[in-house]
Amino acid sequence: MDKAIALRVITIKNDPDQLNTFIEEYKPFIASCVQKSTGKFVEYGRDDELSIGLLAFHEAIKSYDQKKGNFLTFASQVIRRRLIDYYRAQKKFNHEISIEGSYGKDDPDEEYDFSLKQSIQEYSQLELERARRAELEELKQELKHWGINFFDVAQASPKQEGTRRLYLDVIKYIISDASVVEVITTKRYLPIAKICEQMGINRKKIERGRNYIVAGVLIMLGEYEFIRDFVNWR
């Protein structure tokens, strides 16, 4: 498998169409790498880190040769390095803004007030990130009981707007039906047949999105205040 992937990468690196197809196929892998590096759940179209990951994966394809070993291992390293570069650039940018914001102030109290407000904001942001990480760890353990991990959720994430809206409708239906909620919470089982019958939906559509739907239901039913704010439910 490793050799087949390596050969494919070498073959497609100068073919834009095949290269784009390959990247599309490995978007779940990219998301998984980004999540491992950042420690947070990420979503395409929302998180800048995934854009960095896509660009890094493209860079890995273009620069890869078989002397660099397993391609996916190499790609994950490139993604991690580019994320580190991104965060360092963000930190430098923020530092430069804080210097410009206080430079040349005539009133030292005003400068102190500016620094204090900035410190409070930074502390609040740090606490928020800690709370999010704690919720993600809690969700990770809850998903584990279902035999699901974050990579599985990313793989099942809808790529089309229509499918995303369908899954959200299913999630909303589930949490509004006490009998379905009871089955899910007590038996850790998604009653697909009943959902399809009640909503008039093709069974295969629900089965493809099972892991995404389960994660959405758990987030909505659990004490995941910060994760809920992260997810686009509209």
C-alpha atoms as a PDB file:
ATOM      1  CA  MET A   1       0.000   0.000   0.000  1.00  0.00           C
ATOM      2  CA  ASP A   2       2.802   2.423   0.949  1.00  0.00           C
ATOM      3  CA  LYS A   3       4.632   1.735  -2.317  1.00  0.00           C
ATOM      4  CA  ALA A   4       1.423   2.125  -4.327  1.00  0.00           C
ATOM      5  CA  ILE A   5       0.730   5.526  -2.752  1.00  0.00           C
ATOM      6  CA  ALA A   6       4.334   6.634  -3.296  1.00  0.00           C
ATOM      7  CA  LEU A   7       4.211   5.591  -6.963  1.00  0.00           C
ATOM      8  CA  ARG A   8       0.893   7.384  -7.442  1.00  0.00           C
ATOM      9  CA  VAL A   9       2.248  10.594  -5.901  1.00  0.00           C
ATOM     10  CA  ILE A  10       5.288  10.568  -8.170  1.00  0.00           C
ATOM     11  CA  THR A  11       3.040   9.927 -11.188  1.00  0.00           C
ATOM     12  CA  ILE A  12       0.503  12.700 -10.505  1.00  0.00           C
ATOM     13  CA  LYS A  13       2.690  15.528  -9.185  1.00  0.00           C
ATOM     14  CA  ASN A  14       2.816  17.211 -12.599  1.00  0.00           C
ATOM     15  CA  ASP A  15      -0.788  16.456 -13.558  1.00  0.00           C
ATOM     16  CA  PRO A  16      -3.046  19.179 -12.038  1.00  0.00           C
ATOM     17  CA  ASP A  17      -6.296  17.227 -12.493  1.00  0.00           C
ATOM     18  CA  GLN A  18      -5.038  14.009 -10.899  1.00  0.00           C
ATOM     19  CA  LEU A  19      -3.229  15.990  -8.209  1.00  0.00           C
ATOM     20  CA  ASN A  20      -6.441  17.805  -7.226  1.00  0.00           C
ATOM     21  CA  THR A  21      -8.350  14.503  -7.208  1.00  0.00           C
ATOM     22  CA  PHE A  22      -5.722  12.976  -4.927  1.00  0.00           C
ATOM     23  CA  ILE A  23      -5.891  15.931  -2.528  1.00  0.00           C
ATOM     24  CA  GLU A  24      -9.701  15.705  -2.443  1.00  0.00           C
ATOM     25  CA  GLU A  25      -9.467  11.997  -1.563  1.00  0.00           C
ATOM     26  CA  TYR A  26      -7.076  12.709   1.293  1.00  0.00           C
ATOM     27  CA  LYS A  27      -8.917  15.652   2.847  1.00  0.00           C
ATOM     28  CA  PRO A  28      -9.954  13.474   5.843  1.00  0.00           C
ATOM     29  CA  PHE A  29      -6.282  12.519   6.343  1.00  0.00           C
ATOM     30  CA  ILE A  30      -5.275  16.203   6.191  1.00  0.00           C
ATOM     31  CA  ALA A  31      -7.977  17.101   8.713  1.00  0.00           C
ATOM     32  CA  SER A  32      -6.746  14.333  11.021  1.00  0.00           C
ATOM     33  CA  CYS A  33      -3.153  15.639  10.829  1.00  0.00           C
ATOM     34  CA  VAL A  34      -4.316  19.177  11.576  1.00  0.00           C
ATOM     35  CA  GLN A  35      -6.418  17.989  14.523  1.00  0.00           C
ATOM     36  CA  LYS A  36      -3.507  16.039  16.001  1.00  0.00           C
ATOM     37  CA  SER A  37      -1.219  19.068  15.658  1.00  0.00           C
ATOM     38  CA  THR A  38      -3.669  21.647  17.003  1.00  0.00           C
ATOM     39  CA  GLY A  39      -5.570  19.534  19.537  1.00  0.00           C
ATOM     40  CA  LYS A  40      -8.906  20.891  18.346  1.00  0.00           C
ATOM     41  CA  PHE A  41     -11.728  19.761  16.096  1.00  0.00           C
ATOM     42  CA  VAL A  42     -11.528  21.551  12.753  1.00  0.00           C
ATOM     43  CA  GLU A  43     -13.940  21.944   9.865  1.00  0.00           C
ATOM     44  CA  TYR A  44     -13.345  22.770   6.199  1.00  0.00           C
ATOM     45  CA  GLY A  45     -14.588  26.213   5.233  1.00  0.00           C
ATOM     46  CA  ARG A  46     -14.248  27.483   8.799  1.00  0.00           C
ATOM     47  CA  ASP A  47     -10.736  26.918  10.163  1.00  0.00           C
ATOM     48  CA  ASP A  48      -7.670  28.575   8.626  1.00  0.00           C
ATOM     49  CA  GLU A  49      -5.531  25.691   9.842  1.00  0.00           C
ATOM     50  CA  LEU A  50      -7.178  23.376   7.306  1.00  0.00           C
ATOM     51  CA  SER A  51      -6.282  25.759   4.485  1.00  0.00           C
ATOM     52  CA  ILE A  52      -2.682  25.637   5.736  1.00  0.00           C
ATOM     53  CA  GLY A  53      -2.950  21.841   5.829  1.00  0.00           C
ATOM     54  CA  LEU A  54      -4.194  21.633   2.231  1.00  0.00           C
ATOM     55  CA  LEU A  55      -1.378  23.866   0.986  1.00  0.00           C
ATOM     56  CA  ALA A  56       1.163  21.836   2.968  1.00  0.00           C
ATOM     57  CA  PHE A  57      -0.183  18.557   1.538  1.00  0.00           C
ATOM     58  CA  HIS A  58       0.137  20.011  -1.970  1.00  0.00           C
ATOM     59  CA  GLU A  59       3.704  21.054  -1.133  1.00  0.00           C
ATOM     60  CA  ALA A  60       4.446  17.535   0.129  1.00  0.00           C
ATOM     61  CA  ILE A  61       3.249  16.016  -3.162  1.00  0.00           C
ATOM     62  CA  LYS A  62       5.358  18.386  -5.256  1.00  0.00           C
ATOM     63  CA  SER A  63       8.518  17.880  -3.188  1.00  0.00           C
ATOM     64  CA  TYR A  64       8.197  14.140  -2.533  1.00  0.00           C
ATOM     65  CA  ASP A  65      10.593  11.473  -3.754  1.00  0.00           C
ATOM     66  CA  GLN A  66      10.909   7.868  -2.602  1.00  0.00           C
ATOM     67  CA  LYS A  67      14.106   8.621  -0.675  1.00  0.00           C
ATOM     68  CA  LYS A  68      11.877  10.447   1.838  1.00  0.00           C
ATOM     69  CA  GLY A  69      10.169   7.196   2.822  1.00  0.00           C
ATOM     70  CA  ASN A  70       6.454   6.712   3.450  1.00  0.00           C
ATOM     71  CA  PHE A  71       4.571   9.517   1.718  1.00  0.00           C
ATOM     72  CA  LEU A  72       1.803   9.919   4.300  1.00  0.00           C
ATOM     73  CA  THR A  73       4.347  10.126   7.116  1.00  0.00           C
ATOM     74  CA  PHE A  74       6.303  12.696   5.131  1.00  0.00           C
ATOM     75  CA  ALA A  75       3.125  14.676   4.354  1.00  0.00           C
ATOM     76  CA  SER A  76       2.083  14.725   8.025  1.00  0.00           C
ATOM     77  CA  GLN A  77       5.500  16.158   8.927  1.00  0.00           C
ATOM     78  CA  VAL A  78       5.187  18.890   6.287  1.00  0.00           C
ATOM     79  CA  ILE A  79       1.694  19.773   7.533  1.00  0.00           C
ATOM     80  CA  ARG A  80       2.937  20.001  11.115  1.00  0.00           C
ATOM     81  CA  ARG A  81       5.895  22.219  10.120  1.00  0.00           C
ATOM     82  CA  ARG A  82       3.682  24.585   8.138  1.00  0.00           C
ATOM     83  CA  LEU A  83       1.236  24.865  11.045  1.00  0.00           C
ATOM     84  CA  ILE A  84       4.135  25.738  13.357  1.00  0.00           C
ATOM     85  CA  ASP A  85       5.278  28.383  10.848  1.00  0.00           C
ATOM     86  CA  TYR A  86       1.728  29.730  10.702  1.00  0.00           C
ATOM     87  CA  TYR A  87       1.388  30.040  14.482  1.00  0.00           C
ATOM     88  CA  ARG A  88       4.816  31.649  14.784  1.00  0.00           C
ATOM     89  CA  ALA A  89       3.839  34.194  12.122  1.00  0.00           C
ATOM     90  CA  GLN A  90       0.572  34.904  13.943  1.00  0.00           C
ATOM     91  CA  LYS A  91       2.402  35.392  17.233  1.00  0.00           C
ATOM     92  CA  LYS A  92       4.911  37.783  15.618  1.00  0.00           C
ATOM     93  CA  PHE A  93       2.091  39.687  13.924  1.00  0.00           C
ATOM     94  CA  ASN A  94       0.196  40.078  17.184  1.00  0.00           C
ATOM     95  CA  HIS A  95       3.365  41.184  18.971  1.00  0.00           C
ATOM     96  CA  GLU A  96       4.044  43.838  16.337  1.00  0.00           C
ATOM     97  CA  ILE A  97       0.495  45.159  16.671  1.00  0.00           C
ATOM     98  CA  SER A  98       0.832  45.462  20.455  1.00  0.00           C
ATOM     99  CA  ILE A  99       4.064  47.451  20.057  1.00  0.00           C
ATOM    100  CA  GLU A 100       2.519  49.827  17.543  1.00  0.00           C
ATOM    101  CA  GLY A 101      -0.545  50.230  19.724  1.00  0.00           C
ATOM    102  CA  SER A 102       1.443  51.585  22.686  1.00  0.00           C
ATOM    103  CA  TYR A 103       4.245  53.372  20.877  1.00  0.00           C
ATOM    104  CA  GLY A 104       4.362  57.152  21.282  1.00  0.00           C
ATOM    105  CA  LYS A 105       1.597  57.449  23.886  1.00  0.00           C
ATOM    106  CA  ASP A 106       1.877  60.601  26.009  1.00  0.00           C
ATOM    107  CA  ASP A 107      -0.139  59.240  28.917  1.00  0.00           C
ATOM    108  CA  PRO A 108       1.644  56.333  30.685  1.00  0.00           C
ATOM    109  CA  ASP A 109      -1.606  55.400  32.469  1.00  0.00           C
ATOM    110  CA  GLU A 110      -3.299  55.013  29.092  1.00  0.00           C
ATOM    111  CA  GLU A 111      -0.440  52.797  27.917  1.00  0.00           C
ATOM    112  CA  TYR A 112      -0.705  50.694  31.082  1.00  0.00           C
ATOM    113  CA  ASP A 113      -4.470  50.421  30.625  1.00  0.00           C
ATOM    114  CA  PHE A 114      -3.963  49.227  27.051  1.00  0.00           C
ATOM    115  CA  SER A 115      -1.464  46.551  28.198  1.00  0.00           C
ATOM    116  CA  LEU A 116      -3.763  45.435  31.023  1.00  0.00           C
ATOM    117  CA  LYS A 117      -6.733  45.051  28.702  1.00  0.00           C
ATOM    118  CA  GLN A 118      -4.591  43.114  26.274  1.00  0.00           C
ATOM    119  CA  SER A 119      -3.352  40.815  29.082  1.00  0.00           C
ATOM    120  CA  ILE A 120      -6.911  40.166  30.241  1.00  0.00           C
ATOM    121  CA  GLN A 121      -7.983  39.360  26.678  1.00  0.00           C
ATOM    122  CA  GLU A 122      -5.045  36.990  26.221  1.00  0.00           C
ATOM    123  CA  TYR A 123      -5.784  35.270  29.552  1.00  0.00           C
ATOM    124  CA  SER A 124      -9.469  34.930  28.671  1.00  0.00           C
ATOM    125  CA  GLN A 125      -8.559  33.451  25.308  1.00  0.00           C
ATOM    126  CA  LEU A 126      -6.197  30.985  27.012  1.00  0.00           C
ATOM    127  CA  GLU A 127      -8.928  29.905  29.431  1.00  0.00           C
ATOM    128  CA  LEU A 128     -11.336  29.509  26.521  1.00  0.00           C
ATOM    129  CA  GLU A 129      -8.876  27.277  24.683  1.00  0.00           C
ATOM    130  CA  ARG A 130      -8.381  25.174  27.823  1.00  0.00           C
ATOM    131  CA  ALA A 131     -12.132  24.746  28.190  1.00  0.00           C
ATOM    132  CA  ARG A 132     -12.445  23.736  24.549  1.00  0.00           C
ATOM    133  CA  ARG A 133      -9.646  21.194  24.885  1.00  0.00           C
ATOM    134  CA  ALA A 134     -11.329  19.730  27.966  1.00  0.00           C
ATOM    135  CA  GLU A 135     -14.616  19.425  26.081  1.00  0.00           C
ATOM    136  CA  LEU A 136     -12.851  17.838  23.109  1.00  0.00           C
ATOM    137  CA  GLU A 137     -11.264  15.253  25.393  1.00  0.00           C
ATOM    138  CA  GLU A 138     -14.671  14.545  26.942  1.00  0.00           C
ATOM    139  CA  LEU A 139     -16.246  14.169  23.492  1.00  0.00           C
ATOM    140  CA  LYS A 140     -13.367  11.969  22.367  1.00  0.00           C
ATOM    141  CA  GLN A 141     -14.045   9.561  25.236  1.00  0.00           C
ATOM    142  CA  GLU A 142     -17.795   9.584  24.568  1.00  0.00           C
ATOM    143  CA  LEU A 143     -17.261   8.838  20.874  1.00  0.00           C
ATOM    144  CA  LYS A 144     -14.903   6.032  21.847  1.00  0.00           C
ATOM    145  CA  HIS A 145     -17.841   4.171  23.413  1.00  0.00           C
ATOM    146  CA  TRP A 146     -19.428   4.218  19.956  1.00  0.00           C
ATOM    147  CA  GLY A 147     -16.250   2.975  18.278  1.00  0.00           C
ATOM    148  CA  ILE A 148     -15.792   6.370  16.629  1.00  0.00           C
ATOM    149  CA  ASN A 149     -12.853   8.801  16.600  1.00  0.00           C
ATOM    150  CA  PHE A 150     -12.438  12.337  15.272  1.00  0.00           C
ATOM    151  CA  PHE A 151     -10.962  11.016  12.030  1.00  0.00           C
ATOM    152  CA  ASP A 152     -14.127   8.954  11.460  1.00  0.00           C
ATOM    153  CA  VAL A 153     -16.238  12.077  12.028  1.00  0.00           C
ATOM    154  CA  ALA A 154     -14.111  14.075   9.588  1.00  0.00           C
ATOM    155  CA  GLN A 155     -14.409  11.300   6.981  1.00  0.00           C
ATOM    156  CA  ALA A 156     -18.211  11.334   7.294  1.00  0.00           C
ATOM    157  CA  SER A 157     -18.435  15.134   7.206  1.00  0.00           C
ATOM    158  CA  PRO A 158     -20.674  16.218   4.310  1.00  0.00           C
ATOM    159  CA  LYS A 159     -18.880  17.819   1.380  1.00  0.00           C
ATOM    160  CA  GLN A 160     -22.027  19.298  -0.191  1.00  0.00           C
ATOM    161  CA  GLU A 161     -24.303  21.913   1.346  1.00  0.00           C
ATOM    162  CA  GLY A 162     -27.436  19.894   0.616  1.00  0.00           C
ATOM    163  CA  THR A 163     -26.063  16.847   2.426  1.00  0.00           C
ATOM    164  CA  ARG A 164     -24.938  18.968   5.371  1.00  0.00           C
ATOM    165  CA  ARG A 165     -28.424  20.427   5.745  1.00  0.00           C
ATOM    166  CA  LEU A 166     -29.933  16.939   5.540  1.00  0.00           C
ATOM    167  CA  TYR A 167     -27.674  15.674   8.340  1.00  0.00           C
ATOM    168  CA  LEU A 168     -28.525  18.713  10.472  1.00  0.00           C
ATOM    169  CA  ASP A 169     -32.238  18.028   9.938  1.00  0.00           C
ATOM    170  CA  VAL A 170     -31.661  14.437  11.066  1.00  0.00           C
ATOM    171  CA  ILE A 171     -29.792  15.626  14.177  1.00  0.00           C
ATOM    172  CA  LYS A 172     -32.605  18.073  15.014  1.00  0.00           C
ATOM    173  CA  TYR A 173     -35.216  15.349  14.529  1.00  0.00           C
ATOM    174  CA  ILE A 174     -33.340  12.929  16.781  1.00  0.00           C
ATOM    175  CA  ILE A 175     -32.960  15.338  19.702  1.00  0.00           C
ATOM    176  CA  SER A 176     -36.652  16.259  19.422  1.00  0.00           C
ATOM    177  CA  ASP A 177     -37.798  12.627  19.709  1.00  0.00           C
ATOM    178  CA  ALA A 178     -37.488  11.385  23.296  1.00  0.00           C
ATOM    179  CA  SER A 179     -37.801   7.707  22.300  1.00  0.00           C
ATOM    180  CA  VAL A 180     -34.902   7.973  19.834  1.00  0.00           C
ATOM    181  CA  VAL A 181     -32.811   9.895  22.359  1.00  0.00           C
ATOM    182  CA  GLU A 182     -33.410   7.149  24.916  1.00  0.00           C
ATOM    183  CA  VAL A 183     -32.221   4.460  22.488  1.00  0.00           C
ATOM    184  CA  ILE A 184     -29.109   6.469  21.681  1.00  0.00           C
ATOM    185  CA  THR A 185     -28.196   7.293  25.272  1.00  0.00           C
ATOM    186  CA  THR A 186     -28.959   3.897  26.822  1.00  0.00           C
ATOM    187  CA  LYS A 187     -28.043   1.464  24.033  1.00  0.00           C
ATOM    188  CA  ARG A 188     -25.529   3.559  22.046  1.00  0.00           C
ATOM    189  CA  TYR A 189     -27.359   2.588  18.893  1.00  0.00           C
ATOM    190  CA  LEU A 190     -28.596   4.793  16.039  1.00  0.00           C
ATOM    191  CA  PRO A 191     -32.077   3.553  15.007  1.00  0.00           C
ATOM    192  CA  ILE A 192     -31.589   4.235  11.320  1.00  0.00           C
ATOM    193  CA  ALA A 193     -34.691   2.362  10.173  1.00  0.00           C
ATOM    194  CA  LYS A 194     -36.977   4.448  12.382  1.00  0.00           C
ATOM    195  CA  ILE A 195     -35.299   7.714  11.365  1.00  0.00           C
ATOM    196  CA  CYS A 196     -35.646   6.873   7.667  1.00  0.00           C
ATOM    197  CA  GLU A 197     -39.288   5.889   8.110  1.00  0.00           C
ATOM    198  CA  GLN A 198     -40.198   9.032  10.049  1.00  0.00           C
ATOM    199  CA  MET A 199     -38.282  11.431   7.800  1.00  0.00           C
ATOM    200  CA  GLY A 200     -38.731   9.672   4.459  1.00  0.00           C
ATOM    201  CA  ILE A 201     -35.004   9.504   3.808  1.00  0.00           C
ATOM    202  CA  ASN A 202     -32.994   6.923   1.876  1.00  0.00           C
ATOM    203  CA  ARG A 203     -31.224   4.578   4.315  1.00  0.00           C
ATOM    204  CA  LYS A 204     -27.879   4.786   2.506  1.00  0.00           C
ATOM    205  CA  LYS A 205     -27.708   8.550   3.062  1.00  0.00           C
ATOM    206  CA  ILE A 206     -28.038   8.101   6.822  1.00  0.00           C
ATOM    207  CA  GLU A 207     -25.563   5.212   6.904  1.00  0.00           C
ATOM    208  CA  ARG A 208     -22.922   7.283   5.061  1.00  0.00           C
ATOM    209  CA  GLY A 209     -23.264  10.080   7.583  1.00  0.00           C
ATOM    210  CA  ARG A 210     -23.734   7.915  10.684  1.00  0.00           C
ATOM    211  CA  ASN A 211     -20.536   8.979  12.463  1.00  0.00           C
ATOM    212  CA  TYR A 212     -21.130  12.673  11.738  1.00  0.00           C
ATOM    213  CA  ILE A 213     -24.752  12.431  12.888  1.00  0.00           C
ATOM    214  CA  VAL A 214     -23.833  10.580  16.086  1.00  0.00           C
ATOM    215  CA  ALA A 215     -21.178  13.192  16.913  1.00  0.00           C
ATOM    216  CA  GLY A 216     -23.670  15.996  16.264  1.00  0.00           C
ATOM    217  CA  VAL A 217     -26.293  14.399  18.512  1.00  0.00           C
ATOM    218  CA  LEU A 218     -23.781  13.848  21.327  1.00  0.00           C
ATOM    219  CA  ILE A 219     -22.639  17.471  21.096  1.00  0.00           C
ATOM    220  CA  MET A 220     -26.216  18.764  21.199  1.00  0.00           C
ATOM    221  CA  LEU A 221     -27.246  16.521  24.089  1.00  0.00           C
ATOM    222  CA  GLY A 222     -24.066  16.842  26.147  1.00  0.00           C
ATOM    223  CA  GLU A 223     -22.480  19.688  28.075  1.00  0.00           C
ATOM    224  CA  TYR A 224     -20.403  20.919  25.165  1.00  0.00           C
ATOM    225  CA  GLU A 225     -21.025  24.653  25.292  1.00  0.00           C
ATOM    226  CA  PHE A 226     -17.812  25.717  23.572  1.00  0.00           C
ATOM    227  CA  ILE A 227     -17.841  22.997  20.901  1.00  0.00           C
ATOM    228  CA  ARG A 228     -21.446  23.884  20.036  1.00  0.00           C
ATOM    229  CA  ASP A 229     -20.333  27.471  19.421  1.00  0.00           C
ATOM    230  CA  PHE A 230     -17.671  26.160  17.041  1.00  0.00           C
ATOM    231  CA  VAL A 231     -20.055  24.125  14.883  1.00  0.00           C
ATOM    232  CA  ASN A 232     -22.087  25.726  12.100  1.00  0.00           C
ATOM    233  CA  TRP A 233     -25.590  24.399  12.821  1.00  0.00           C
ATOM    234  CA  ARG A 234     -27.377  26.600  10.258  1.00  0.00           C
END
